[in-house]
N, C-alpha and C. Protein backbone atom coordinates (compact mmCIF):
# COMPACT_ATOMS: atom_id res chain seq x y z
N MET A 1 -73.77 30.64 49.48
CA MET A 1 -75.37 31.17 49.74
C MET A 1 -76.08 30.11 49.87
N THR A 2 -77.21 30.19 50.88
CA THR A 2 -78.10 29.22 51.08
C THR A 2 -79.46 29.73 50.18
N ALA A 3 -79.98 28.63 49.50
CA ALA A 3 -81.07 28.91 48.79
C ALA A 3 -82.25 28.16 49.57
N ALA A 4 -83.35 28.97 49.80
CA ALA A 4 -84.42 28.40 50.79
C ALA A 4 -85.57 28.51 49.81
N ALA A 5 -86.39 27.44 50.25
CA ALA A 5 -87.79 27.27 49.54
C ALA A 5 -88.51 28.54 49.86
N THR A 6 -89.47 29.09 48.84
CA THR A 6 -90.22 30.29 49.13
C THR A 6 -91.58 29.89 49.53
N SER A 7 -91.96 28.50 49.30
CA SER A 7 -93.39 28.03 49.40
C SER A 7 -93.71 27.90 50.82
N GLU A 8 -94.98 28.09 51.14
CA GLU A 8 -95.32 27.99 52.56
C GLU A 8 -95.24 26.58 53.26
N GLY A 9 -94.78 26.50 54.51
CA GLY A 9 -94.85 25.18 54.88
C GLY A 9 -93.50 24.49 55.12
N PRO A 10 -93.11 23.27 55.72
CA PRO A 10 -91.88 22.69 55.81
C PRO A 10 -91.38 22.44 54.46
N PRO A 11 -89.84 22.52 54.23
CA PRO A 11 -89.60 21.95 52.99
C PRO A 11 -89.93 20.33 52.58
N LEU A 12 -89.91 20.04 51.51
CA LEU A 12 -90.05 18.81 50.98
C LEU A 12 -88.52 18.10 51.21
N LEU A 13 -87.75 18.81 50.57
CA LEU A 13 -86.11 18.22 50.73
C LEU A 13 -85.34 19.38 51.30
N GLU A 14 -84.54 19.05 52.33
CA GLU A 14 -83.64 19.99 52.98
C GLU A 14 -82.21 19.51 52.84
N VAL A 15 -81.39 20.31 52.22
CA VAL A 15 -79.97 19.97 52.17
C VAL A 15 -79.29 20.93 52.85
N ASP A 16 -78.29 20.43 53.72
CA ASP A 16 -77.51 21.48 54.58
C ASP A 16 -76.03 20.74 54.66
N SER A 17 -75.02 21.61 54.15
CA SER A 17 -73.89 21.44 53.97
C SER A 17 -73.26 20.10 53.45
N LEU A 18 -74.07 19.59 52.26
CA LEU A 18 -73.63 18.59 51.47
C LEU A 18 -72.35 18.79 50.79
N GLU A 19 -71.44 17.79 51.06
CA GLU A 19 -70.16 17.98 50.29
C GLU A 19 -69.77 17.14 49.29
N VAL A 20 -70.20 17.79 48.17
CA VAL A 20 -70.23 17.21 46.76
C VAL A 20 -69.01 17.62 46.17
N HIS A 21 -68.41 16.44 45.46
CA HIS A 21 -66.93 16.71 44.83
C HIS A 21 -66.73 17.84 44.04
N GLY A 22 -65.75 18.53 44.16
CA GLY A 22 -65.69 19.81 43.26
C GLY A 22 -66.54 21.21 43.61
N LEU A 23 -67.55 20.99 44.58
CA LEU A 23 -68.09 21.94 44.90
C LEU A 23 -67.98 22.46 46.30
N ALA A 24 -68.30 23.75 46.78
CA ALA A 24 -68.06 24.11 48.18
C ALA A 24 -69.52 23.60 48.79
N PRO A 25 -69.55 23.40 50.15
CA PRO A 25 -70.68 22.70 50.73
C PRO A 25 -72.13 23.22 50.23
N VAL A 26 -73.01 22.39 50.03
CA VAL A 26 -74.29 22.97 49.22
C VAL A 26 -75.09 22.78 50.15
N SER A 27 -76.09 23.94 50.21
CA SER A 27 -77.50 23.92 51.16
C SER A 27 -78.37 24.65 50.46
N PHE A 28 -79.74 23.99 50.34
CA PHE A 28 -80.91 24.61 49.63
C PHE A 28 -82.00 23.74 50.16
N SER A 29 -83.20 24.37 49.73
CA SER A 29 -84.32 23.23 50.11
C SER A 29 -85.30 23.39 49.01
N LEU A 30 -86.27 22.53 48.88
CA LEU A 30 -87.04 22.25 47.72
C LEU A 30 -88.47 22.11 48.45
N ALA A 31 -89.45 22.69 48.04
CA ALA A 31 -90.93 22.78 48.37
C ALA A 31 -91.62 21.71 47.58
N ALA A 32 -92.84 20.86 48.16
CA ALA A 32 -93.66 20.15 47.42
C ALA A 32 -94.18 20.89 46.30
N GLY A 33 -94.23 20.27 45.05
CA GLY A 33 -94.78 21.17 43.85
C GLY A 33 -93.83 22.15 43.27
N GLU A 34 -92.82 22.17 43.78
CA GLU A 34 -91.75 23.31 43.13
C GLU A 34 -90.84 22.53 42.34
N CYS A 35 -90.46 23.35 41.21
CA CYS A 35 -89.46 23.06 40.32
C CYS A 35 -88.26 23.97 40.49
N LEU A 36 -86.93 23.46 40.56
CA LEU A 36 -85.59 24.06 40.97
C LEU A 36 -84.68 23.96 39.64
N ALA A 37 -84.66 24.69 38.86
CA ALA A 37 -83.43 24.64 37.81
C ALA A 37 -82.13 24.64 38.39
N VAL A 38 -81.34 23.87 37.99
CA VAL A 38 -79.84 23.84 38.32
C VAL A 38 -78.94 24.28 37.16
N LEU A 39 -78.42 25.36 37.15
CA LEU A 39 -77.77 26.05 35.98
C LEU A 39 -76.14 25.94 36.22
N GLY A 40 -75.78 26.21 35.15
CA GLY A 40 -74.06 26.07 35.16
C GLY A 40 -73.53 25.56 34.07
N PRO A 41 -72.52 25.78 33.57
CA PRO A 41 -71.74 25.40 32.19
C PRO A 41 -71.60 24.03 32.47
N SER A 42 -71.22 23.40 31.24
CA SER A 42 -70.75 21.95 31.23
C SER A 42 -69.69 21.64 32.02
N GLY A 43 -69.61 20.63 32.75
CA GLY A 43 -68.55 20.36 33.89
C GLY A 43 -68.43 21.14 35.03
N SER A 44 -69.68 21.82 35.36
CA SER A 44 -69.43 22.70 36.54
C SER A 44 -70.00 21.85 37.93
N GLY A 45 -70.62 20.65 37.49
CA GLY A 45 -71.09 19.77 38.80
C GLY A 45 -72.38 19.50 38.94
N LYS A 46 -73.27 19.84 37.95
CA LYS A 46 -74.72 19.75 38.11
C LYS A 46 -75.22 18.19 38.18
N THR A 47 -74.39 17.57 37.31
CA THR A 47 -74.68 15.90 37.55
C THR A 47 -74.06 15.26 38.68
N VAL A 48 -73.05 15.78 39.03
CA VAL A 48 -72.48 15.42 40.22
C VAL A 48 -73.42 15.66 41.46
N LEU A 49 -73.96 16.84 41.36
CA LEU A 49 -74.96 17.21 42.50
C LEU A 49 -76.16 16.34 42.66
N LEU A 50 -76.88 16.12 41.39
CA LEU A 50 -77.94 15.31 41.23
C LEU A 50 -77.63 13.69 41.93
N ARG A 51 -76.32 13.25 41.37
CA ARG A 51 -76.18 11.93 41.68
C ARG A 51 -76.03 11.83 43.29
N ALA A 52 -75.33 12.92 43.79
CA ALA A 52 -75.06 12.94 45.29
C ALA A 52 -76.58 12.96 46.00
N LEU A 53 -77.41 13.86 45.59
CA LEU A 53 -78.65 13.91 46.31
C LEU A 53 -79.55 12.61 46.32
N ALA A 54 -79.20 11.75 45.06
CA ALA A 54 -79.84 10.46 45.03
C ALA A 54 -78.92 9.30 45.52
N ASP A 55 -77.83 9.87 46.44
CA ASP A 55 -77.17 9.01 47.06
C ASP A 55 -76.41 7.86 46.17
N LEU A 56 -76.23 8.11 44.99
CA LEU A 56 -75.33 7.27 44.25
C LEU A 56 -73.92 7.37 44.51
N ASP A 57 -73.60 8.49 44.72
CA ASP A 57 -72.22 8.79 45.04
C ASP A 57 -71.81 9.39 46.54
N PRO A 58 -70.74 8.99 47.14
CA PRO A 58 -70.61 9.45 48.48
C PRO A 58 -70.62 10.91 48.54
N ALA A 59 -71.48 11.46 49.60
CA ALA A 59 -71.40 12.95 49.87
C ALA A 59 -71.73 13.08 51.10
N PRO A 60 -70.94 13.44 52.00
CA PRO A 60 -71.30 13.64 53.52
C PRO A 60 -72.04 14.96 53.39
N GLY A 61 -72.98 15.09 54.62
CA GLY A 61 -73.72 16.40 54.90
C GLY A 61 -75.07 15.85 55.38
N ARG A 62 -75.89 16.66 55.71
CA ARG A 62 -77.33 16.53 55.98
C ARG A 62 -78.44 16.71 54.97
N VAL A 63 -79.13 15.46 54.64
CA VAL A 63 -80.14 15.58 53.71
C VAL A 63 -81.49 15.02 54.34
N HIS A 64 -82.48 15.76 54.24
CA HIS A 64 -83.81 15.36 54.72
C HIS A 64 -84.82 15.30 53.80
N LEU A 65 -85.73 14.33 53.77
CA LEU A 65 -86.90 14.12 52.96
C LEU A 65 -88.19 14.04 53.76
N ASN A 66 -89.04 15.25 53.71
CA ASN A 66 -90.12 15.18 54.70
C ASN A 66 -89.74 15.08 56.15
N GLY A 67 -88.62 15.43 56.59
CA GLY A 67 -88.01 15.35 57.90
C GLY A 67 -87.31 14.29 58.38
N LEU A 68 -87.34 13.18 57.32
CA LEU A 68 -86.57 11.98 57.44
C LEU A 68 -85.20 12.21 56.96
N GLU A 69 -84.25 11.84 57.85
CA GLU A 69 -82.88 11.87 57.31
C GLU A 69 -82.22 10.83 56.52
N ARG A 70 -81.51 11.37 55.51
CA ARG A 70 -81.05 10.20 54.56
C ARG A 70 -80.75 8.90 55.21
N GLY A 71 -79.73 9.14 56.13
CA GLY A 71 -79.20 7.89 56.84
C GLY A 71 -80.31 7.09 57.46
N ASP A 72 -81.29 7.39 57.76
CA ASP A 72 -82.41 6.56 58.29
C ASP A 72 -82.98 5.52 57.27
N LEU A 73 -82.77 5.53 55.95
CA LEU A 73 -83.10 4.70 54.92
C LEU A 73 -82.01 4.08 54.36
N SER A 74 -82.25 2.71 53.78
CA SER A 74 -81.22 2.18 52.97
C SER A 74 -81.03 2.88 51.71
N GLY A 75 -80.00 2.82 50.97
CA GLY A 75 -79.70 3.34 49.81
C GLY A 75 -81.02 3.21 48.79
N PRO A 76 -81.28 1.79 48.44
CA PRO A 76 -82.59 1.67 47.67
C PRO A 76 -83.81 2.38 47.98
N GLU A 77 -83.93 2.28 49.34
CA GLU A 77 -85.18 2.86 49.83
C GLU A 77 -85.12 4.45 49.46
N TRP A 78 -84.00 5.18 49.80
CA TRP A 78 -83.89 6.38 49.58
C TRP A 78 -83.99 6.78 48.06
N ARG A 79 -83.42 5.99 47.05
CA ARG A 79 -83.46 6.14 45.58
C ARG A 79 -84.85 6.22 45.12
N ARG A 80 -85.69 5.04 45.91
CA ARG A 80 -87.01 5.08 45.34
C ARG A 80 -87.96 6.23 45.46
N LYS A 81 -87.41 7.15 46.62
CA LYS A 81 -87.87 8.43 46.95
C LYS A 81 -87.47 9.52 46.37
N VAL A 82 -86.17 9.55 46.03
CA VAL A 82 -85.52 10.46 45.46
C VAL A 82 -84.88 10.12 44.19
N ARG A 83 -85.43 9.96 43.18
CA ARG A 83 -85.52 9.39 41.95
C ARG A 83 -84.28 10.29 40.97
N TYR A 84 -83.30 9.73 40.74
CA TYR A 84 -82.50 10.21 39.64
C TYR A 84 -82.65 9.69 38.24
N SER A 85 -82.94 10.48 37.33
CA SER A 85 -82.86 10.20 35.72
C SER A 85 -82.11 10.77 34.95
N ALA A 86 -81.04 9.89 34.54
CA ALA A 86 -79.79 10.17 33.72
C ALA A 86 -80.02 10.94 32.40
N ALA A 87 -79.09 11.84 31.86
CA ALA A 87 -79.39 12.45 30.52
C ALA A 87 -79.03 11.39 29.61
N GLU A 88 -78.17 10.24 29.91
CA GLU A 88 -77.92 9.09 29.12
C GLU A 88 -78.37 7.91 30.02
N PRO A 89 -79.82 7.50 29.99
CA PRO A 89 -80.24 6.44 30.84
C PRO A 89 -79.64 5.01 30.42
N GLY A 90 -79.48 4.41 31.63
CA GLY A 90 -78.84 2.92 31.48
C GLY A 90 -80.15 1.98 31.24
N TRP A 91 -79.68 0.80 30.63
CA TRP A 91 -80.73 -0.32 30.58
C TRP A 91 -80.25 -1.53 30.82
N TRP A 92 -80.79 -2.61 31.37
CA TRP A 92 -80.20 -3.88 31.78
C TRP A 92 -80.89 -4.90 31.23
N ALA A 93 -82.07 -4.81 30.40
CA ALA A 93 -82.75 -6.07 29.85
C ALA A 93 -82.96 -5.69 28.60
N GLU A 94 -83.48 -6.55 27.78
CA GLU A 94 -83.49 -6.50 26.35
C GLU A 94 -84.65 -5.62 25.72
N THR A 95 -85.82 -5.62 26.37
CA THR A 95 -86.93 -4.53 26.12
C THR A 95 -87.18 -3.59 27.26
N PRO A 96 -87.91 -2.49 26.79
CA PRO A 96 -88.28 -1.73 28.05
C PRO A 96 -89.32 -2.35 28.68
N ARG A 97 -90.13 -3.12 28.44
CA ARG A 97 -91.35 -3.77 29.08
C ARG A 97 -90.64 -4.35 30.36
N GLU A 98 -89.41 -4.89 30.14
CA GLU A 98 -88.74 -5.76 31.50
C GLU A 98 -88.47 -4.59 32.43
N HIS A 99 -88.28 -3.34 32.14
CA HIS A 99 -88.16 -2.40 33.40
C HIS A 99 -89.14 -1.85 33.93
N PHE A 100 -90.31 -2.27 33.88
CA PHE A 100 -91.76 -1.71 34.44
C PHE A 100 -92.44 -2.87 35.02
N ALA A 101 -92.74 -2.58 36.30
CA ALA A 101 -93.55 -3.55 36.94
C ALA A 101 -95.08 -3.27 36.76
N ALA A 102 -95.29 -2.19 36.61
CA ALA A 102 -96.90 -1.81 36.38
C ALA A 102 -97.22 -1.64 34.93
N GLU A 103 -97.72 -2.66 34.25
CA GLU A 103 -97.60 -2.65 32.77
C GLU A 103 -98.74 -1.61 32.25
N ASP A 104 -99.92 -1.59 32.88
CA ASP A 104 -101.02 -0.74 32.45
C ASP A 104 -100.32 0.72 32.80
N ALA A 105 -99.69 0.95 33.88
CA ALA A 105 -99.31 2.35 33.98
C ALA A 105 -98.07 2.81 32.89
N ALA A 106 -97.51 1.70 32.66
CA ALA A 106 -96.21 2.20 31.83
C ALA A 106 -96.85 2.45 30.38
N ALA A 107 -97.96 1.79 30.02
CA ALA A 107 -98.51 1.88 28.62
C ALA A 107 -99.49 3.38 28.57
N GLU A 108 -99.74 3.72 29.64
CA GLU A 108 -100.36 5.04 29.82
C GLU A 108 -99.34 5.98 29.59
N LEU A 109 -98.20 6.03 30.39
CA LEU A 109 -97.13 6.96 30.39
C LEU A 109 -96.68 7.14 29.03
N VAL A 110 -96.18 5.85 28.57
CA VAL A 110 -95.65 6.09 27.08
C VAL A 110 -96.45 6.70 26.22
N THR A 111 -97.76 6.43 26.20
CA THR A 111 -98.76 7.02 25.22
C THR A 111 -98.74 8.57 25.50
N MET A 112 -98.65 9.00 26.79
CA MET A 112 -98.82 10.48 27.01
C MET A 112 -97.45 11.04 26.51
N LEU A 113 -96.31 10.25 26.45
CA LEU A 113 -95.00 10.79 25.98
C LEU A 113 -94.96 10.68 24.34
N GLY A 114 -96.07 10.07 23.76
CA GLY A 114 -96.24 10.26 22.12
C GLY A 114 -95.51 8.98 21.55
N LEU A 115 -95.43 7.88 22.58
CA LEU A 115 -95.11 6.55 21.95
C LEU A 115 -96.02 5.68 22.02
N ALA A 116 -96.02 4.62 21.30
CA ALA A 116 -96.97 3.53 21.09
C ALA A 116 -96.62 2.43 22.26
N PRO A 117 -97.70 1.96 22.84
CA PRO A 117 -97.40 0.83 23.89
C PRO A 117 -96.88 -0.21 23.29
N ALA A 118 -96.90 -0.57 21.95
CA ALA A 118 -96.21 -1.74 21.22
C ALA A 118 -94.80 -1.68 21.55
N GLN A 119 -94.36 -0.26 21.60
CA GLN A 119 -92.87 0.16 21.73
C GLN A 119 -92.41 -0.51 23.01
N LEU A 120 -93.03 -0.87 23.86
CA LEU A 120 -92.65 -1.43 25.07
C LEU A 120 -91.80 -3.13 25.00
N ASP A 121 -92.19 -3.39 23.63
CA ASP A 121 -91.69 -4.71 23.25
C ASP A 121 -90.90 -4.79 22.43
N ASP A 122 -90.34 -3.55 21.99
CA ASP A 122 -89.29 -3.58 20.88
C ASP A 122 -87.84 -3.65 21.41
N SER A 123 -87.03 -4.19 21.01
CA SER A 123 -85.36 -4.30 21.41
C SER A 123 -85.09 -2.78 21.49
N LEU A 124 -84.40 -2.60 22.77
CA LEU A 124 -84.08 -1.42 22.89
C LEU A 124 -82.88 -0.87 22.04
N SER A 125 -82.15 -1.90 21.58
CA SER A 125 -81.04 -1.44 20.61
C SER A 125 -81.75 -1.03 19.15
N ARG A 126 -83.04 -1.37 18.91
CA ARG A 126 -83.50 -0.64 17.76
C ARG A 126 -84.33 0.60 17.90
N LEU A 127 -84.57 1.09 19.25
CA LEU A 127 -85.09 2.34 19.39
C LEU A 127 -84.02 3.45 19.23
N SER A 128 -84.75 4.62 18.93
CA SER A 128 -83.89 5.78 18.86
C SER A 128 -83.33 6.53 20.20
N THR A 129 -82.43 7.14 20.20
CA THR A 129 -81.92 7.94 21.48
C THR A 129 -83.16 8.56 22.00
N GLY A 130 -83.99 9.46 21.45
CA GLY A 130 -85.06 10.24 21.79
C GLY A 130 -86.25 9.18 22.35
N GLU A 131 -86.41 8.07 21.63
CA GLU A 131 -87.41 7.13 22.10
C GLU A 131 -86.98 6.41 23.60
N ARG A 132 -85.81 6.27 23.59
CA ARG A 132 -85.11 5.63 24.72
C ARG A 132 -85.11 6.82 25.94
N GLN A 133 -84.99 8.00 25.67
CA GLN A 133 -85.00 8.97 26.57
C GLN A 133 -86.39 8.98 27.21
N ARG A 134 -87.48 9.02 26.33
CA ARG A 134 -88.77 9.28 26.70
C ARG A 134 -89.17 7.85 27.43
N LEU A 135 -88.68 6.85 27.23
CA LEU A 135 -89.02 5.50 28.18
C LEU A 135 -88.42 5.67 29.40
N ALA A 136 -87.23 6.36 29.32
CA ALA A 136 -86.49 6.31 30.66
C ALA A 136 -87.20 7.50 31.70
N SER A 137 -87.96 8.43 31.03
CA SER A 137 -88.78 9.19 31.80
C SER A 137 -89.77 8.81 32.64
N ALA A 138 -90.49 7.72 31.53
CA ALA A 138 -91.76 6.89 32.12
C ALA A 138 -91.18 6.08 33.17
N ARG A 139 -90.03 5.68 33.05
CA ARG A 139 -89.52 4.77 34.05
C ARG A 139 -89.14 5.35 35.32
N ALA A 140 -88.87 6.50 35.37
CA ALA A 140 -88.51 7.36 36.43
C ALA A 140 -89.54 7.74 37.36
N ILE A 141 -90.55 8.03 36.74
CA ILE A 141 -91.86 8.52 37.48
C ILE A 141 -92.86 7.44 37.71
N ILE A 142 -92.84 6.26 37.21
CA ILE A 142 -94.01 5.25 37.39
C ILE A 142 -94.40 5.23 38.68
N ASP A 143 -93.55 4.94 39.71
CA ASP A 143 -93.93 4.71 40.99
C ASP A 143 -94.04 5.84 41.86
N GLN A 144 -93.95 7.02 41.18
CA GLN A 144 -94.31 8.42 42.03
C GLN A 144 -93.29 8.53 42.99
N PRO A 145 -92.26 8.78 42.59
CA PRO A 145 -91.25 9.26 43.66
C PRO A 145 -91.40 10.65 44.18
N THR A 146 -90.96 11.08 45.56
CA THR A 146 -91.11 12.16 46.18
C THR A 146 -90.64 13.26 45.30
N VAL A 147 -89.19 12.94 45.21
CA VAL A 147 -88.27 14.04 44.42
C VAL A 147 -87.94 13.59 43.17
N LEU A 148 -87.88 14.21 42.06
CA LEU A 148 -87.33 13.83 40.72
C LEU A 148 -86.09 14.68 40.62
N LEU A 149 -85.07 14.32 40.27
CA LEU A 149 -83.77 14.64 39.78
C LEU A 149 -83.73 14.52 38.22
N LEU A 150 -83.78 15.38 37.58
CA LEU A 150 -84.05 15.19 35.93
C LEU A 150 -82.80 15.80 35.24
N ASP A 151 -82.06 15.24 34.71
CA ASP A 151 -80.86 15.67 34.21
C ASP A 151 -81.00 15.74 32.63
N GLU A 152 -81.38 17.02 31.97
CA GLU A 152 -81.27 17.11 30.88
C GLU A 152 -82.46 16.14 30.17
N PRO A 153 -83.64 16.20 30.70
CA PRO A 153 -84.88 15.08 30.47
C PRO A 153 -85.28 15.29 28.90
N THR A 154 -84.93 16.55 28.20
CA THR A 154 -85.64 16.56 26.80
C THR A 154 -84.39 16.79 25.86
N GLY A 155 -83.01 16.56 26.24
CA GLY A 155 -81.73 16.98 25.31
C GLY A 155 -81.96 16.18 24.26
N ALA A 156 -82.38 14.97 24.09
CA ALA A 156 -82.57 14.24 22.70
C ALA A 156 -83.72 14.37 22.00
N LEU A 157 -84.70 15.12 22.71
CA LEU A 157 -86.14 15.09 21.80
C LEU A 157 -86.12 16.27 20.98
N ASP A 158 -87.15 16.24 19.94
CA ASP A 158 -87.82 17.35 19.12
C ASP A 158 -88.66 18.09 19.83
N GLN A 159 -89.16 19.13 19.30
CA GLN A 159 -89.97 20.13 19.89
C GLN A 159 -91.39 19.59 20.34
N ARG A 160 -91.75 18.76 19.57
CA ARG A 160 -93.07 18.15 19.89
C ARG A 160 -92.96 17.27 21.05
N ALA A 161 -92.02 16.39 21.00
CA ALA A 161 -91.66 15.31 22.10
C ALA A 161 -91.42 16.02 23.30
N SER A 162 -90.65 17.19 23.30
CA SER A 162 -90.22 17.92 24.60
C SER A 162 -91.59 18.49 24.90
N GLU A 163 -92.55 18.88 24.36
CA GLU A 163 -93.84 19.69 24.80
C GLU A 163 -94.36 18.43 25.67
N LEU A 164 -94.44 17.26 25.24
CA LEU A 164 -95.16 16.17 25.85
C LEU A 164 -94.44 15.88 26.95
N ALA A 165 -93.26 15.78 27.07
CA ALA A 165 -92.32 15.59 28.35
C ALA A 165 -92.37 16.61 29.39
N GLU A 166 -92.64 17.92 29.05
CA GLU A 166 -93.00 18.86 29.84
C GLU A 166 -94.45 18.95 30.39
N GLN A 167 -95.23 18.52 29.73
CA GLN A 167 -96.66 18.25 30.23
C GLN A 167 -96.49 17.19 31.35
N LEU A 168 -95.91 16.27 31.01
CA LEU A 168 -95.63 15.15 32.08
C LEU A 168 -95.00 15.37 33.34
N ILE A 169 -93.93 16.43 33.13
CA ILE A 169 -93.16 17.02 34.34
C ILE A 169 -94.25 17.86 35.24
N ARG A 170 -95.12 18.53 34.43
CA ARG A 170 -95.93 19.53 35.20
C ARG A 170 -97.10 18.82 35.94
N ARG A 171 -97.37 17.69 35.41
CA ARG A 171 -98.28 16.67 36.05
C ARG A 171 -97.59 16.17 37.10
N CYS A 172 -96.30 16.06 37.21
CA CYS A 172 -95.88 15.39 38.51
C CYS A 172 -95.82 16.65 39.55
N LEU A 173 -95.45 17.79 39.14
CA LEU A 173 -95.54 18.97 40.09
C LEU A 173 -96.78 19.24 40.60
N ASP A 174 -97.83 19.00 39.79
CA ASP A 174 -99.26 19.27 40.28
C ASP A 174 -99.62 18.06 41.32
N GLY A 175 -99.00 16.96 41.30
CA GLY A 175 -99.28 16.00 42.02
C GLY A 175 -98.44 16.10 43.44
N GLY A 176 -97.68 17.12 43.55
CA GLY A 176 -96.73 17.42 44.63
C GLY A 176 -95.46 17.05 44.86
N ALA A 177 -95.10 16.52 43.64
CA ALA A 177 -93.41 16.14 43.95
C ALA A 177 -92.48 17.37 43.73
N GLY A 178 -91.52 17.32 43.88
CA GLY A 178 -90.57 18.16 43.96
C GLY A 178 -89.50 17.83 42.81
N ILE A 179 -89.02 18.84 42.13
CA ILE A 179 -88.13 18.37 40.92
C ILE A 179 -87.03 19.35 40.96
N LEU A 180 -85.65 18.79 40.81
CA LEU A 180 -84.50 19.45 40.37
C LEU A 180 -84.32 19.23 38.88
N LEU A 181 -84.00 20.08 38.10
CA LEU A 181 -83.82 19.98 36.69
C LEU A 181 -82.70 20.76 36.31
N THR A 182 -81.93 20.01 35.37
CA THR A 182 -80.67 20.60 34.47
C THR A 182 -81.42 20.67 33.36
N SER A 183 -81.11 21.79 32.44
CA SER A 183 -81.40 21.98 31.10
C SER A 183 -80.77 22.98 30.54
N HIS A 184 -80.23 22.76 29.31
CA HIS A 184 -79.52 23.91 28.47
C HIS A 184 -80.28 24.69 27.58
N ASP A 185 -81.59 24.75 27.68
CA ASP A 185 -82.64 25.26 27.13
C ASP A 185 -83.17 26.34 28.15
N PRO A 186 -82.83 27.66 27.79
CA PRO A 186 -83.40 28.63 28.66
C PRO A 186 -84.87 28.66 28.77
N ASP A 187 -85.34 28.64 27.50
CA ASP A 187 -86.97 28.65 27.42
C ASP A 187 -87.48 27.73 28.26
N GLN A 188 -86.92 26.60 28.20
CA GLN A 188 -87.65 25.46 28.90
C GLN A 188 -87.49 25.95 30.65
N VAL A 189 -86.50 26.27 31.01
CA VAL A 189 -86.24 26.62 32.23
C VAL A 189 -87.23 27.63 32.69
N ALA A 190 -87.41 28.79 31.84
CA ALA A 190 -88.31 29.75 32.18
C ALA A 190 -89.86 29.14 32.03
N ARG A 191 -90.13 28.12 31.46
CA ARG A 191 -91.66 27.74 31.58
C ARG A 191 -91.74 26.77 32.67
N LEU A 192 -90.69 26.12 33.18
CA LEU A 192 -90.93 24.99 34.04
C LEU A 192 -90.43 25.57 35.45
N ALA A 193 -89.38 26.29 35.63
CA ALA A 193 -88.70 26.48 36.99
C ALA A 193 -89.42 27.58 37.66
N ASP A 194 -89.58 27.23 39.05
CA ASP A 194 -89.98 28.46 40.10
C ASP A 194 -88.65 29.28 40.48
N ARG A 195 -87.62 28.52 40.60
CA ARG A 195 -86.43 29.25 41.04
C ARG A 195 -85.22 28.72 40.24
N ARG A 196 -84.13 29.36 40.44
CA ARG A 196 -82.97 28.99 39.75
C ARG A 196 -81.76 28.85 40.70
N LEU A 197 -81.01 27.92 40.53
CA LEU A 197 -79.94 27.54 41.32
C LEU A 197 -78.89 27.51 40.22
N GLU A 198 -77.63 28.20 40.67
CA GLU A 198 -76.67 28.23 39.58
C GLU A 198 -75.32 27.99 40.30
N ILE A 199 -74.41 27.23 39.53
CA ILE A 199 -73.04 26.95 40.04
C ILE A 199 -72.25 27.90 39.37
N ARG A 200 -71.46 28.51 40.14
CA ARG A 200 -70.43 29.35 39.56
C ARG A 200 -69.43 29.38 40.58
N ASP A 201 -68.07 29.14 39.87
CA ASP A 201 -67.08 29.12 40.37
C ASP A 201 -66.96 27.93 41.73
N GLY A 202 -67.57 26.94 41.59
CA GLY A 202 -67.63 25.88 42.28
C GLY A 202 -68.50 26.04 43.53
N ARG A 203 -69.41 27.15 43.63
CA ARG A 203 -70.40 27.53 44.50
C ARG A 203 -71.76 27.31 43.84
N LEU A 204 -72.54 26.77 44.82
CA LEU A 204 -74.21 26.71 44.25
C LEU A 204 -74.92 27.88 44.99
N GLY A 205 -75.50 28.80 44.17
CA GLY A 205 -76.02 29.92 44.89
C GLY A 205 -77.57 30.21 44.09
N GLU A 206 -78.39 31.05 44.77
CA GLU A 206 -79.72 31.08 44.03
C GLU A 206 -79.43 32.44 43.10
N ARG A 207 -79.95 32.17 41.74
CA ARG A 207 -79.91 33.40 40.81
C ARG A 207 -81.40 33.83 40.60
N PRO A 208 -81.16 35.08 40.37
CA PRO A 208 -82.51 35.85 40.47
C PRO A 208 -83.21 35.38 39.03
N SER A 209 -84.56 35.41 39.18
CA SER A 209 -85.22 34.99 37.88
C SER A 209 -85.20 36.04 36.82
């Protein structure tokens, strides 16, 4: 089944016959300002799909961003525009600040997520799982990617922190970003998603709201 964007105008992201490991060929489109929830049980292939869209894992097929074919950009260039944010983010430096080029923007984002700017200078090993997840969300959106691929973005957060993260997600959508979201929280899906895609028996199809 092919899932097509309902918004007017050409799609922001168009996926045609993407060959993702463990799934039948995937086709769907995503409009600017639209949030698609990708649903399915654990192990069904949601994370594999998001990683393939970000060109982190090999996946033959046609993917276009604003009409530009994925192969026309280098991997790093594509990933700057189509940004994957993992459920368990990785870090490569001692402090969060070392992962941000724009310090003023970083301070603003972490404050919006309920953190203190001073925490940008804390050792990552001393921060909680939820704090690291919020910092990773800020890191993912700071340079305003065109498409965000959010894998369980609030899985480690309490209710208040989740509310703040959702506010930031809505701000990205209002700014014209397209978002693919995985979440095990049906209430969160109901609040954020314009449409739902579901992986069932190795096939991705559109699920009625």
